Amino acid sequence: MLFSQWINISNILLLSYSVSFAGFLQLIVLTYFVRKNFKPILSIKIKIDKKIKFFFKKLLPSIFSSGVTQINILVGTIIASFQAGAVSYLYYADRVYQINLAVAGIAVGTVMLPTLSKYIKENNYEKANNIQNRSLEICLFLSVPAAIALLLASEQIITSLFGYGTFGIQSVMNTATALTFFAFGVPAFSILKISSNLFFARNDTKTPFYLSLISVILNIIISVSLFNKFGFIIIPIATSITSWMNVLMHYYFIKKRNLHIFDAKFIYKIPRIMLSVVAMGIILYLLLTFFSVKFNYNESWKFIYLFIIVTMSLISYFLISNFLGAFKFKDIKLRK
């Protein structure tokens, strides 16, 4: 995109080409670093053994349950298409909160699953439980303040990122409202990535599948039945509500099967994390109030002020968390 001014092609096409090029470049880089453990072999010989059958048997349910949040958004987008402009409002709001989901949920869940599976296979349930607790700590440590920030600064975030040109004031307000209601579900979206791994690590993909299916059905029922009354805004509301219901259903089966026990360290840290979040929220609110005039729609440097506020709030959160003992950088490296 940096070279777009010298290339005679539309920005839309150029961006699509750039994304494709970046994807191929990423594939080349990954192939280089995994060459010692994996080499692609092209073969027309098809051999389906027990391991392959087992893999696909577990794969299909896990695809659905892992992408339940995205499925809910897709369903909501289809329903919202009956209202002019609603799809765009939901799309832009979705892009913002998905960043938080990627960091707080997907990243943590991806890292924990191999180690968790290893300990469970070795019947080392003490270490498995430790991994589960530490993963939940990190998940909540990242997702709860993100949710609070999105709730308090949804309008400032949207106007700073998208509030230019044909994206008018009304579009900013509608997108910010959607983001606000999505924010209520951010911790739930992240927790689901962790809790579903407790089943995946034990080769159980059916339970998360059925729970996710119930969540999607509930989402459709709420969205369709109330869309005429509330409009597009019911979509993020329904998504957040059903996500929290999904969390509760996961926890019920986790507790019933005794898959996880909250340890003393987790119980010690959670109140301190919440206290740190409250302190950060107060600081964020004061900063937003102080710089409020800088976020008028016609301001050109809105993004700079947003970056300053986010940076200051983030630094204060880490410092307060460290002071209260809610989280320390050394905790990122889990001790075996």
C-alpha atoms as a PDB file:
ATOM      1  CA  MET A   1       0.000   0.000   0.000  1.00  0.00           C
ATOM      2  CA  LEU A   2       2.969   2.323   0.525  1.00  0.00           C
ATOM      3  CA  PHE A   3       3.630   2.194  -3.230  1.00  0.00           C
ATOM      4  CA  SER A   4      -0.015   2.749  -4.217  1.00  0.00           C
ATOM      5  CA  GLN A   5       0.596   6.321  -5.383  1.00  0.00           C
ATOM      6  CA  TRP A   6       2.981   5.070  -8.088  1.00  0.00           C
ATOM      7  CA  ILE A   7       0.804   2.177  -9.253  1.00  0.00           C
ATOM      8  CA  ASN A   8      -2.067   2.866 -11.631  1.00  0.00           C
ATOM      9  CA  ILE A   9      -4.635   0.578 -10.027  1.00  0.00           C
ATOM     10  CA  SER A  10      -7.608   1.093  -7.713  1.00  0.00           C
ATOM     11  CA  ASN A  11      -6.952   0.945  -3.975  1.00  0.00           C
ATOM     12  CA  ILE A  12      -9.540  -1.811  -3.531  1.00  0.00           C
ATOM     13  CA  LEU A  13      -7.833  -4.141  -6.017  1.00  0.00           C
ATOM     14  CA  LEU A  14      -4.397  -3.196  -4.725  1.00  0.00           C
ATOM     15  CA  LEU A  15      -5.385  -4.043  -1.161  1.00  0.00           C
ATOM     16  CA  SER A  16      -6.800  -7.428  -2.207  1.00  0.00           C
ATOM     17  CA  TYR A  17      -3.609  -8.216  -4.148  1.00  0.00           C
ATOM     18  CA  SER A  18      -1.530  -7.130  -1.141  1.00  0.00           C
ATOM     19  CA  VAL A  19      -3.414  -9.442   1.211  1.00  0.00           C
ATOM     20  CA  SER A  20      -2.952 -12.389  -1.174  1.00  0.00           C
ATOM     21  CA  PHE A  21       0.739 -11.617  -1.618  1.00  0.00           C
ATOM     22  CA  ALA A  22       1.198 -11.350   2.152  1.00  0.00           C
ATOM     23  CA  GLY A  23      -0.533 -14.733   2.568  1.00  0.00           C
ATOM     24  CA  PHE A  24       1.833 -16.450   0.147  1.00  0.00           C
ATOM     25  CA  LEU A  25       4.800 -14.748   1.814  1.00  0.00           C
ATOM     26  CA  GLN A  26       3.623 -16.014   5.215  1.00  0.00           C
ATOM     27  CA  LEU A  27       3.302 -19.536   3.790  1.00  0.00           C
ATOM     28  CA  ILE A  28       6.886 -19.413   2.503  1.00  0.00           C
ATOM     29  CA  VAL A  29       8.199 -18.172   5.867  1.00  0.00           C
ATOM     30  CA  LEU A  30       6.306 -20.849   7.825  1.00  0.00           C
ATOM     31  CA  THR A  31       7.403 -23.602   5.433  1.00  0.00           C
ATOM     32  CA  TYR A  32      11.021 -22.540   5.934  1.00  0.00           C
ATOM     33  CA  PHE A  33      10.827 -22.722   9.727  1.00  0.00           C
ATOM     34  CA  VAL A  34       8.991 -26.065   9.886  1.00  0.00           C
ATOM     35  CA  ARG A  35      11.162 -27.778   7.268  1.00  0.00           C
ATOM     36  CA  LYS A  36      12.906 -29.910   9.902  1.00  0.00           C
ATOM     37  CA  ASN A  37       9.649 -31.362  11.163  1.00  0.00           C
ATOM     38  CA  PHE A  38       7.453 -31.307   8.071  1.00  0.00           C
ATOM     39  CA  LYS A  39       8.006 -31.516   4.340  1.00  0.00           C
ATOM     40  CA  PRO A  40       5.038 -31.276   1.966  1.00  0.00           C
ATOM     41  CA  ILE A  41       4.765 -34.386  -0.192  1.00  0.00           C
ATOM     42  CA  LEU A  42       2.554 -34.423  -3.262  1.00  0.00           C
ATOM     43  CA  SER A  43       1.072 -37.864  -3.752  1.00  0.00           C
ATOM     44  CA  ILE A  44      -2.025 -39.170  -5.514  1.00  0.00           C
ATOM     45  CA  LYS A  45      -2.004 -42.267  -3.362  1.00  0.00           C
ATOM     46  CA  ILE A  46      -4.867 -42.101  -0.881  1.00  0.00           C
ATOM     47  CA  LYS A  47      -4.624 -44.210   2.233  1.00  0.00           C
ATOM     48  CA  ILE A  48      -7.275 -43.853   4.913  1.00  0.00           C
ATOM     49  CA  ASP A  49      -6.247 -45.584   8.118  1.00  0.00           C
ATOM     50  CA  LYS A  50      -7.661 -45.441  11.640  1.00  0.00           C
ATOM     51  CA  LYS A  51      -5.699 -42.310  12.505  1.00  0.00           C
ATOM     52  CA  ILE A  52      -7.049 -40.439   9.477  1.00  0.00           C
ATOM     53  CA  LYS A  53     -10.603 -41.528  10.290  1.00  0.00           C
ATOM     54  CA  PHE A  54     -10.123 -40.462  13.914  1.00  0.00           C
ATOM     55  CA  PHE A  55      -8.789 -37.070  12.771  1.00  0.00           C
ATOM     56  CA  PHE A  56     -11.759 -36.256  10.543  1.00  0.00           C
ATOM     57  CA  LYS A  57     -14.203 -37.592  13.109  1.00  0.00           C
ATOM     58  CA  LYS A  58     -12.880 -35.025  15.583  1.00  0.00           C
ATOM     59  CA  LEU A  59     -12.278 -32.284  13.022  1.00  0.00           C
ATOM     60  CA  LEU A  60     -15.780 -31.428  11.833  1.00  0.00           C
ATOM     61  CA  PRO A  61     -17.343 -30.761  15.273  1.00  0.00           C
ATOM     62  CA  SER A  62     -14.311 -28.744  16.362  1.00  0.00           C
ATOM     63  CA  ILE A  63     -14.528 -26.499  13.280  1.00  0.00           C
ATOM     64  CA  PHE A  64     -18.065 -25.496  14.193  1.00  0.00           C
ATOM     65  CA  SER A  65     -17.472 -25.043  17.913  1.00  0.00           C
ATOM     66  CA  SER A  66     -14.210 -23.102  17.420  1.00  0.00           C
ATOM     67  CA  GLY A  67     -15.872 -20.653  15.076  1.00  0.00           C
ATOM     68  CA  VAL A  68     -19.142 -20.201  16.965  1.00  0.00           C
ATOM     69  CA  THR A  69     -18.509 -16.477  17.501  1.00  0.00           C
ATOM     70  CA  GLN A  70     -17.859 -15.946  13.805  1.00  0.00           C
ATOM     71  CA  ILE A  71     -20.919 -18.052  12.928  1.00  0.00           C
ATOM     72  CA  ASN A  72     -23.074 -15.920  15.220  1.00  0.00           C
ATOM     73  CA  ILE A  73     -21.731 -12.794  13.520  1.00  0.00           C
ATOM     74  CA  LEU A  74     -22.432 -14.266  10.078  1.00  0.00           C
ATOM     75  CA  VAL A  75     -25.992 -15.137  11.056  1.00  0.00           C
ATOM     76  CA  GLY A  76     -26.451 -11.678  12.529  1.00  0.00           C
ATOM     77  CA  THR A  77     -25.087 -10.033   9.391  1.00  0.00           C
ATOM     78  CA  ILE A  78     -27.560 -11.918   7.214  1.00  0.00           C
ATOM     79  CA  ILE A  79     -30.431 -10.792   9.441  1.00  0.00           C
ATOM     80  CA  ALA A  80     -29.123  -7.211   9.575  1.00  0.00           C
ATOM     81  CA  SER A  81     -29.021  -7.018   5.771  1.00  0.00           C
ATOM     82  CA  PHE A  82     -32.740  -6.191   5.904  1.00  0.00           C
ATOM     83  CA  GLN A  83     -31.855  -2.793   7.384  1.00  0.00           C
ATOM     84  CA  ALA A  84     -30.000  -0.209   5.283  1.00  0.00           C
ATOM     85  CA  GLY A  85     -26.413   0.349   6.429  1.00  0.00           C
ATOM     86  CA  ALA A  86     -26.647  -2.158   9.274  1.00  0.00           C
ATOM     87  CA  VAL A  87     -24.203  -4.626   7.718  1.00  0.00           C
ATOM     88  CA  SER A  88     -21.509  -1.947   7.553  1.00  0.00           C
ATOM     89  CA  TYR A  89     -22.075  -0.904  11.172  1.00  0.00           C
ATOM     90  CA  LEU A  90     -21.715  -4.499  12.366  1.00  0.00           C
ATOM     91  CA  TYR A  91     -18.715  -5.174  10.138  1.00  0.00           C
ATOM     92  CA  TYR A  92     -16.672  -2.220  11.382  1.00  0.00           C
ATOM     93  CA  ALA A  93     -17.556  -2.898  15.003  1.00  0.00           C
ATOM     94  CA  ASP A  94     -16.659  -6.559  14.505  1.00  0.00           C
ATOM     95  CA  ARG A  95     -13.215  -5.646  13.128  1.00  0.00           C
ATOM     96  CA  VAL A  96     -12.387  -3.672  16.273  1.00  0.00           C
ATOM     97  CA  TYR A  97     -13.394  -6.212  18.918  1.00  0.00           C
ATOM     98  CA  GLN A  98     -11.930  -9.124  16.941  1.00  0.00           C
ATOM     99  CA  ILE A  99      -8.473  -7.653  17.605  1.00  0.00           C
ATOM    100  CA  ASN A 100      -9.051  -8.071  21.346  1.00  0.00           C
ATOM    101  CA  LEU A 101     -10.431 -11.574  20.814  1.00  0.00           C
ATOM    102  CA  ALA A 102      -7.349 -12.577  18.825  1.00  0.00           C
ATOM    103  CA  VAL A 103      -4.999 -11.467  21.605  1.00  0.00           C
ATOM    104  CA  ALA A 104      -6.975 -12.467  24.706  1.00  0.00           C
ATOM    105  CA  GLY A 105      -8.631 -15.654  23.498  1.00  0.00           C
ATOM    106  CA  ILE A 106      -7.246 -17.182  20.337  1.00  0.00           C
ATOM    107  CA  ALA A 107      -3.580 -16.546  21.082  1.00  0.00           C
ATOM    108  CA  VAL A 108      -3.752 -17.881  24.652  1.00  0.00           C
ATOM    109  CA  GLY A 109      -5.867 -20.854  23.583  1.00  0.00           C
ATOM    110  CA  THR A 110      -3.486 -21.743  20.768  1.00  0.00           C
ATOM    111  CA  VAL A 111      -0.484 -21.705  23.067  1.00  0.00           C
ATOM    112  CA  MET A 112      -2.102 -23.721  25.877  1.00  0.00           C
ATOM    113  CA  LEU A 113      -3.623 -26.574  23.841  1.00  0.00           C
ATOM    114  CA  PRO A 114      -0.457 -28.557  22.905  1.00  0.00           C
ATOM    115  CA  THR A 115       0.940 -28.436  26.443  1.00  0.00           C
ATOM    116  CA  LEU A 116      -2.429 -29.218  27.992  1.00  0.00           C
ATOM    117  CA  SER A 117      -2.907 -32.197  25.658  1.00  0.00           C
ATOM    118  CA  LYS A 118       0.560 -33.461  26.546  1.00  0.00           C
ATOM    119  CA  TYR A 119      -0.071 -33.380  30.299  1.00  0.00           C
ATOM    120  CA  ILE A 120      -3.478 -35.031  29.960  1.00  0.00           C
ATOM    121  CA  LYS A 121      -2.001 -37.784  27.805  1.00  0.00           C
ATOM    122  CA  GLU A 122       0.630 -38.334  30.513  1.00  0.00           C
ATOM    123  CA  ASN A 123      -2.132 -38.367  33.189  1.00  0.00           C
ATOM    124  CA  ASN A 124      -0.381 -35.450  34.872  1.00  0.00           C
ATOM    125  CA  TYR A 125      -3.560 -33.729  35.967  1.00  0.00           C
ATOM    126  CA  GLU A 126      -1.844 -31.429  38.463  1.00  0.00           C
ATOM    127  CA  LYS A 127       0.176 -29.726  35.730  1.00  0.00           C
ATOM    128  CA  ALA A 128      -2.824 -29.792  33.404  1.00  0.00           C
ATOM    129  CA  ASN A 129      -4.904 -27.959  35.986  1.00  0.00           C
ATOM    130  CA  ASN A 130      -2.089 -25.440  36.465  1.00  0.00           C
ATOM    131  CA  ILE A 131      -2.013 -24.707  32.727  1.00  0.00           C
ATOM    132  CA  GLN A 132      -5.788 -24.278  32.696  1.00  0.00           C
ATOM    133  CA  ASN A 133      -5.762 -21.830  35.606  1.00  0.00           C
ATOM    134  CA  ARG A 134      -2.865 -19.783  34.279  1.00  0.00           C
ATOM    135  CA  SER A 135      -4.493 -19.600  30.837  1.00  0.00           C
ATOM    136  CA  LEU A 136      -7.737 -18.336  32.354  1.00  0.00           C
ATOM    137  CA  GLU A 137      -5.795 -15.759  34.365  1.00  0.00           C
ATOM    138  CA  ILE A 138      -4.087 -14.379  31.262  1.00  0.00           C
ATOM    139  CA  CYS A 139      -7.354 -14.506  29.343  1.00  0.00           C
ATOM    140  CA  LEU A 140      -9.208 -12.465  31.972  1.00  0.00           C
ATOM    141  CA  PHE A 141      -6.217 -10.181  32.517  1.00  0.00           C
ATOM    142  CA  LEU A 142      -6.373  -9.196  28.832  1.00  0.00           C
ATOM    143  CA  SER A 143     -10.070  -9.455  27.951  1.00  0.00           C
ATOM    144  CA  VAL A 144     -11.729  -7.679  30.900  1.00  0.00           C
ATOM    145  CA  PRO A 145      -9.796  -4.386  30.539  1.00  0.00           C
ATOM    146  CA  ALA A 146     -10.313  -4.596  26.778  1.00  0.00           C
ATOM    147  CA  ALA A 147     -14.055  -4.861  27.335  1.00  0.00           C
ATOM    148  CA  ILE A 148     -14.038  -1.884  29.716  1.00  0.00           C
ATOM    149  CA  ALA A 149     -12.011   0.181  27.249  1.00  0.00           C
ATOM    150  CA  LEU A 150     -14.416  -0.628  24.413  1.00  0.00           C
ATOM    151  CA  LEU A 151     -17.384   0.269  26.618  1.00  0.00           C
ATOM    152  CA  LEU A 152     -15.945   3.622  27.694  1.00  0.00           C
ATOM    153  CA  ALA A 153     -14.289   4.665  24.435  1.00  0.00           C
ATOM    154  CA  SER A 154     -16.388   3.052  21.699  1.00  0.00           C
ATOM    155  CA  GLU A 155     -17.323   6.359  20.089  1.00  0.00           C
ATOM    156  CA  GLN A 156     -13.777   7.743  20.268  1.00  0.00           C
ATOM    157  CA  ILE A 157     -12.362   4.523  18.801  1.00  0.00           C
ATOM    158  CA  ILE A 158     -14.787   4.426  15.883  1.00  0.00           C
ATOM    159  CA  THR A 159     -14.491   8.105  14.995  1.00  0.00           C
ATOM    160  CA  SER A 160     -10.684   7.905  15.172  1.00  0.00           C
ATOM    161  CA  LEU A 161     -10.438   4.825  12.965  1.00  0.00           C
ATOM    162  CA  PHE A 162     -13.279   5.309  10.485  1.00  0.00           C
ATOM    163  CA  GLY A 163     -14.818   8.764  10.995  1.00  0.00           C
ATOM    164  CA  TYR A 164     -13.621  10.355   7.771  1.00  0.00           C
ATOM    165  CA  GLY A 165     -14.988  11.097   4.300  1.00  0.00           C
ATOM    166  CA  THR A 166     -18.288   9.397   3.512  1.00  0.00           C
ATOM    167  CA  PHE A 167     -18.369   7.627   6.911  1.00  0.00           C
ATOM    168  CA  GLY A 168     -20.557  10.296   8.515  1.00  0.00           C
ATOM    169  CA  ILE A 169     -21.431  11.173  12.082  1.00  0.00           C
ATOM    170  CA  GLN A 170     -24.539   8.953  12.086  1.00  0.00           C
ATOM    171  CA  SER A 171     -22.473   6.010  10.858  1.00  0.00           C
ATOM    172  CA  VAL A 172     -19.955   6.626  13.641  1.00  0.00           C
ATOM    173  CA  MET A 173     -22.701   6.678  16.282  1.00  0.00           C
ATOM    174  CA  ASN A 174     -24.403   3.521  15.002  1.00  0.00           C
ATOM    175  CA  THR A 175     -21.122   1.610  14.740  1.00  0.00           C
ATOM    176  CA  ALA A 176     -20.055   2.787  18.206  1.00  0.00           C
ATOM    177  CA  THR A 177     -23.360   1.563  19.644  1.00  0.00           C
ATOM    178  CA  ALA A 178     -22.825  -1.857  18.049  1.00  0.00           C
ATOM    179  CA  LEU A 179     -19.280  -1.949  19.423  1.00  0.00           C
ATOM    180  CA  THR A 180     -20.544  -1.103  22.914  1.00  0.00           C
ATOM    181  CA  PHE A 181     -22.836  -4.130  22.991  1.00  0.00           C
ATOM    182  CA  PHE A 182     -20.178  -6.373  21.437  1.00  0.00           C
ATOM    183  CA  ALA A 183     -17.860  -5.233  24.242  1.00  0.00           C
ATOM    184  CA  PHE A 184     -20.079  -6.860  26.871  1.00  0.00           C
ATOM    185  CA  GLY A 185     -19.309 -10.214  25.270  1.00  0.00           C
ATOM    186  CA  VAL A 186     -15.542  -9.803  24.780  1.00  0.00           C
ATOM    187  CA  PRO A 187     -14.595 -11.698  27.983  1.00  0.00           C
ATOM    188  CA  ALA A 188     -17.084 -14.445  27.078  1.00  0.00           C
ATOM    189  CA  PHE A 189     -15.676 -14.778  23.558  1.00  0.00           C
ATOM    190  CA  SER A 190     -12.192 -15.184  25.016  1.00  0.00           C
ATOM    191  CA  ILE A 191     -13.187 -17.564  27.825  1.00  0.00           C
ATOM    192  CA  LEU A 192     -14.868 -19.849  25.283  1.00  0.00           C
ATOM    193  CA  LYS A 193     -11.569 -20.281  23.460  1.00  0.00           C
ATOM    194  CA  ILE A 194     -10.017 -21.488  26.721  1.00  0.00           C
ATOM    195  CA  SER A 195     -12.892 -23.601  28.032  1.00  0.00           C
ATOM    196  CA  SER A 196     -13.411 -25.425  24.734  1.00  0.00           C
ATOM    197  CA  ASN A 197      -9.751 -26.469  24.852  1.00  0.00           C
ATOM    198  CA  LEU A 198     -10.458 -28.347  28.075  1.00  0.00           C
ATOM    199  CA  PHE A 199     -12.625 -30.658  25.983  1.00  0.00           C
ATOM    200  CA  PHE A 200     -10.440 -30.654  22.848  1.00  0.00           C
ATOM    201  CA  ALA A 201      -7.380 -31.708  24.836  1.00  0.00           C
ATOM    202  CA  ARG A 202      -9.316 -34.790  25.936  1.00  0.00           C
ATOM    203  CA  ASN A 203     -10.358 -35.640  22.355  1.00  0.00           C
ATOM    204  CA  ASP A 204     -13.913 -34.532  23.091  1.00  0.00           C
ATOM    205  CA  THR A 205     -15.090 -32.305  20.237  1.00  0.00           C
ATOM    206  CA  LYS A 206     -18.749 -33.295  20.433  1.00  0.00           C
ATOM    207  CA  THR A 207     -19.595 -31.539  23.704  1.00  0.00           C
ATOM    208  CA  PRO A 208     -18.375 -28.082  22.553  1.00  0.00           C
ATOM    209  CA  PHE A 209     -20.116 -28.751  19.224  1.00  0.00           C
ATOM    210  CA  TYR A 210     -23.516 -29.384  20.811  1.00  0.00           C
ATOM    211  CA  LEU A 211     -23.142 -26.432  23.189  1.00  0.00           C
ATOM    212  CA  SER A 212     -22.149 -24.158  20.325  1.00  0.00           C
ATOM    213  CA  LEU A 213     -25.071 -25.390  18.262  1.00  0.00           C
ATOM    214  CA  ILE A 214     -27.457 -24.467  21.093  1.00  0.00           C
ATOM    215  CA  SER A 215     -25.785 -21.054  21.288  1.00  0.00           C
ATOM    216  CA  VAL A 216     -26.245 -20.414  17.556  1.00  0.00           C
ATOM    217  CA  ILE A 217     -29.909 -21.484  17.667  1.00  0.00           C
ATOM    218  CA  LEU A 218     -30.572 -19.178  20.643  1.00  0.00           C
ATOM    219  CA  ASN A 219     -28.808 -16.352  18.841  1.00  0.00           C
ATOM    220  CA  ILE A 220     -31.010 -16.824  15.775  1.00  0.00           C
ATOM    221  CA  ILE A 221     -34.194 -16.960  17.875  1.00  0.00           C
ATOM    222  CA  ILE A 222     -33.344 -13.763  19.802  1.00  0.00           C
ATOM    223  CA  SER A 223     -32.184 -11.876  16.703  1.00  0.00           C
ATOM    224  CA  VAL A 224     -35.109 -12.826  14.461  1.00  0.00           C
ATOM    225  CA  SER A 225     -37.827 -12.378  17.082  1.00  0.00           C
ATOM    226  CA  LEU A 226     -36.634  -8.930  18.223  1.00  0.00           C
ATOM    227  CA  PHE A 227     -35.138  -7.500  15.023  1.00  0.00           C
ATOM    228  CA  ASN A 228     -38.280  -5.607  14.001  1.00  0.00           C
ATOM    229  CA  LYS A 229     -38.488  -4.006  17.439  1.00  0.00           C
ATOM    230  CA  PHE A 230     -34.837  -3.065  18.039  1.00  0.00           C
ATOM    231  CA  GLY A 231     -33.275  -3.116  14.576  1.00  0.00           C
ATOM    232  CA  PHE A 232     -29.662  -4.050  13.900  1.00  0.00           C
ATOM    233  CA  ILE A 233     -28.590  -3.364  17.487  1.00  0.00           C
ATOM    234  CA  ILE A 234     -30.211  -6.625  18.621  1.00  0.00           C
ATOM    235  CA  ILE A 235     -27.486  -8.506  16.720  1.00  0.00           C
ATOM    236  CA  PRO A 236     -24.561  -7.568  19.041  1.00  0.00           C
ATOM    237  CA  ILE A 237     -26.875  -7.828  22.043  1.00  0.00           C
ATOM    238  CA  ALA A 238     -27.914 -11.367  21.081  1.00  0.00           C
ATOM    239  CA  THR A 239     -24.318 -12.334  20.299  1.00  0.00           C
ATOM    240  CA  SER A 240     -23.065 -11.211  23.705  1.00  0.00           C
ATOM    241  CA  ILE A 241     -25.967 -12.790  25.613  1.00  0.00           C
ATOM    242  CA  THR A 242     -25.671 -16.171  23.884  1.00  0.00           C
ATOM    243  CA  SER A 243     -21.888 -16.149  24.290  1.00  0.00           C
ATOM    244  CA  TRP A 244     -22.219 -15.758  28.061  1.00  0.00           C
ATOM    245  CA  MET A 245     -24.866 -18.493  28.072  1.00  0.00           C
ATOM    246  CA  ASN A 246     -22.404 -20.672  26.156  1.00  0.00           C
ATOM    247  CA  VAL A 247     -19.753 -19.980  28.808  1.00  0.00           C
ATOM    248  CA  LEU A 248     -22.159 -21.055  31.558  1.00  0.00           C
ATOM    249  CA  MET A 249     -23.050 -24.241  29.679  1.00  0.00           C
ATOM    250  CA  HIS A 250     -19.371 -25.063  29.176  1.00  0.00           C
ATOM    251  CA  TYR A 251     -18.676 -24.461  32.860  1.00  0.00           C
ATOM    252  CA  TYR A 252     -21.579 -26.715  33.853  1.00  0.00           C
ATOM    253  CA  PHE A 253     -20.126 -29.684  31.970  1.00  0.00           C
ATOM    254  CA  ILE A 254     -16.567 -28.847  33.026  1.00  0.00           C
ATOM    255  CA  LYS A 255     -17.683 -28.878  36.660  1.00  0.00           C
ATOM    256  CA  LYS A 256     -19.842 -31.979  36.196  1.00  0.00           C
ATOM    257  CA  ARG A 257     -16.937 -33.945  34.722  1.00  0.00           C
ATOM    258  CA  ASN A 258     -14.422 -32.473  37.167  1.00  0.00           C
ATOM    259  CA  LEU A 259     -12.178 -31.239  34.346  1.00  0.00           C
ATOM    260  CA  HIS A 260     -10.971 -28.142  36.151  1.00  0.00           C
ATOM    261  CA  ILE A 261     -10.462 -26.882  39.690  1.00  0.00           C
ATOM    262  CA  PHE A 262      -9.739 -23.244  40.548  1.00  0.00           C
ATOM    263  CA  ASP A 263      -6.516 -23.229  42.538  1.00  0.00           C
ATOM    264  CA  ALA A 264      -5.450 -20.863  45.321  1.00  0.00           C
ATOM    265  CA  LYS A 265      -3.308 -18.747  43.008  1.00  0.00           C
ATOM    266  CA  PHE A 266      -6.246 -18.117  40.673  1.00  0.00           C
ATOM    267  CA  ILE A 267      -8.538 -17.157  43.557  1.00  0.00           C
ATOM    268  CA  TYR A 268      -5.811 -14.836  44.880  1.00  0.00           C
ATOM    269  CA  LYS A 269      -5.280 -13.033  41.576  1.00  0.00           C
ATOM    270  CA  ILE A 270      -8.790 -12.565  40.172  1.00  0.00           C
ATOM    271  CA  PRO A 271      -9.922  -9.889  42.697  1.00  0.00           C
ATOM    272  CA  ARG A 272      -6.646  -8.042  42.142  1.00  0.00           C
ATOM    273  CA  ILE A 273      -7.123  -8.154  38.380  1.00  0.00           C
ATOM    274  CA  MET A 274     -10.621  -6.737  38.772  1.00  0.00           C
ATOM    275  CA  LEU A 275      -9.367  -3.978  41.081  1.00  0.00           C
ATOM    276  CA  SER A 276      -6.666  -3.121  38.546  1.00  0.00           C
ATOM    277  CA  VAL A 277      -9.313  -2.967  35.811  1.00  0.00           C
ATOM    278  CA  VAL A 278     -11.421  -0.560  37.898  1.00  0.00           C
ATOM    279  CA  ALA A 279      -8.420   1.709  38.442  1.00  0.00           C
ATOM    280  CA  MET A 280      -7.555   1.613  34.745  1.00  0.00           C
ATOM    281  CA  GLY A 281     -11.179   2.373  33.854  1.00  0.00           C
ATOM    282  CA  ILE A 282     -11.133   5.486  36.036  1.00  0.00           C
ATOM    283  CA  ILE A 283      -7.887   6.679  34.445  1.00  0.00           C
ATOM    284  CA  LEU A 284      -9.250   6.008  30.960  1.00  0.00           C
ATOM    285  CA  TYR A 285     -12.459   7.907  31.722  1.00  0.00           C
ATOM    286  CA  LEU A 286     -10.495  10.922  33.012  1.00  0.00           C
ATOM    287  CA  LEU A 287      -8.256  10.917  29.932  1.00  0.00           C
ATOM    288  CA  LEU A 288     -11.234  10.691  27.588  1.00  0.00           C
ATOM    289  CA  THR A 289     -12.876  13.603  29.412  1.00  0.00           C
ATOM    290  CA  PHE A 290      -9.703  15.690  29.268  1.00  0.00           C
ATOM    291  CA  PHE A 291      -9.220  15.126  25.524  1.00  0.00           C
ATOM    292  CA  SER A 292     -12.931  15.123  24.645  1.00  0.00           C
ATOM    293  CA  VAL A 293     -12.756  18.132  22.281  1.00  0.00           C
ATOM    294  CA  LYS A 294     -10.002  16.395  20.297  1.00  0.00           C
ATOM    295  CA  PHE A 295     -12.471  13.727  19.172  1.00  0.00           C
ATOM    296  CA  ASN A 296     -14.890  16.009  17.364  1.00  0.00           C
ATOM    297  CA  TYR A 297     -15.824  14.524  14.017  1.00  0.00           C
ATOM    298  CA  ASN A 298     -13.993  17.193  11.994  1.00  0.00           C
ATOM    299  CA  GLU A 299     -10.712  16.838  13.911  1.00  0.00           C
ATOM    300  CA  SER A 300      -7.881  15.494  11.745  1.00  0.00           C
ATOM    301  CA  TRP A 301      -5.554  14.137  14.443  1.00  0.00           C
ATOM    302  CA  LYS A 302      -8.076  12.027  16.353  1.00  0.00           C
ATOM    303  CA  PHE A 303      -6.075   8.833  15.927  1.00  0.00           C
ATOM    304  CA  ILE A 304      -2.973  10.372  17.515  1.00  0.00           C
ATOM    305  CA  TYR A 305      -4.906  11.322  20.647  1.00  0.00           C
ATOM    306  CA  LEU A 306      -6.530   7.888  20.751  1.00  0.00           C
ATOM    307  CA  PHE A 307      -3.081   6.290  20.573  1.00  0.00           C
ATOM    308  CA  ILE A 308      -1.839   8.486  23.425  1.00  0.00           C
ATOM    309  CA  ILE A 309      -4.837   7.645  25.614  1.00  0.00           C
ATOM    310  CA  VAL A 310      -4.622   3.905  24.917  1.00  0.00           C
ATOM    311  CA  THR A 311      -0.876   3.878  25.623  1.00  0.00           C
ATOM    312  CA  MET A 312      -1.223   5.779  28.898  1.00  0.00           C
ATOM    313  CA  SER A 313      -4.120   3.582  30.037  1.00  0.00           C
ATOM    314  CA  LEU A 314      -2.256   0.408  29.129  1.00  0.00           C
ATOM    315  CA  ILE A 315       0.896   1.473  30.971  1.00  0.00           C
ATOM    316  CA  SER A 316      -1.130   2.440  34.036  1.00  0.00           C
ATOM    317  CA  TYR A 317      -2.922  -0.917  33.960  1.00  0.00           C
ATOM    318  CA  PHE A 318       0.322  -2.887  33.903  1.00  0.00           C
ATOM    319  CA  LEU A 319       1.865  -0.755  36.643  1.00  0.00           C
ATOM    320  CA  ILE A 320      -1.193  -1.029  38.894  1.00  0.00           C
ATOM    321  CA  SER A 321      -1.472  -4.773  38.246  1.00  0.00           C
ATOM    322  CA  ASN A 322       2.172  -5.248  39.120  1.00  0.00           C
ATOM    323  CA  PHE A 323       1.791  -3.177  42.291  1.00  0.00           C
ATOM    324  CA  LEU A 324      -1.296  -5.118  43.442  1.00  0.00           C
ATOM    325  CA  GLY A 325       0.233  -8.474  42.535  1.00  0.00           C
ATOM    326  CA  ALA A 326      -2.449  -9.198  39.974  1.00  0.00           C
ATOM    327  CA  PHE A 327       0.028 -10.052  37.259  1.00  0.00           C
ATOM    328  CA  LYS A 328       3.777 -10.029  36.778  1.00  0.00           C
ATOM    329  CA  PHE A 329       5.730 -10.392  33.591  1.00  0.00           C
ATOM    330  CA  LYS A 330       7.533 -13.447  34.925  1.00  0.00           C
ATOM    331  CA  ASP A 331       4.156 -15.220  35.113  1.00  0.00           C
ATOM    332  CA  ILE A 332       4.058 -15.395  31.322  1.00  0.00           C
ATOM    333  CA  LYS A 333       6.664 -18.138  31.459  1.00  0.00           C
ATOM    334  CA  LEU A 334       4.813 -21.019  33.095  1.00  0.00           C
ATOM    335  CA  ARG A 335       7.019 -23.044  35.391  1.00  0.00           C
ATOM    336  CA  LYS A 336       6.970 -26.794  34.873  1.00  0.00           C
END
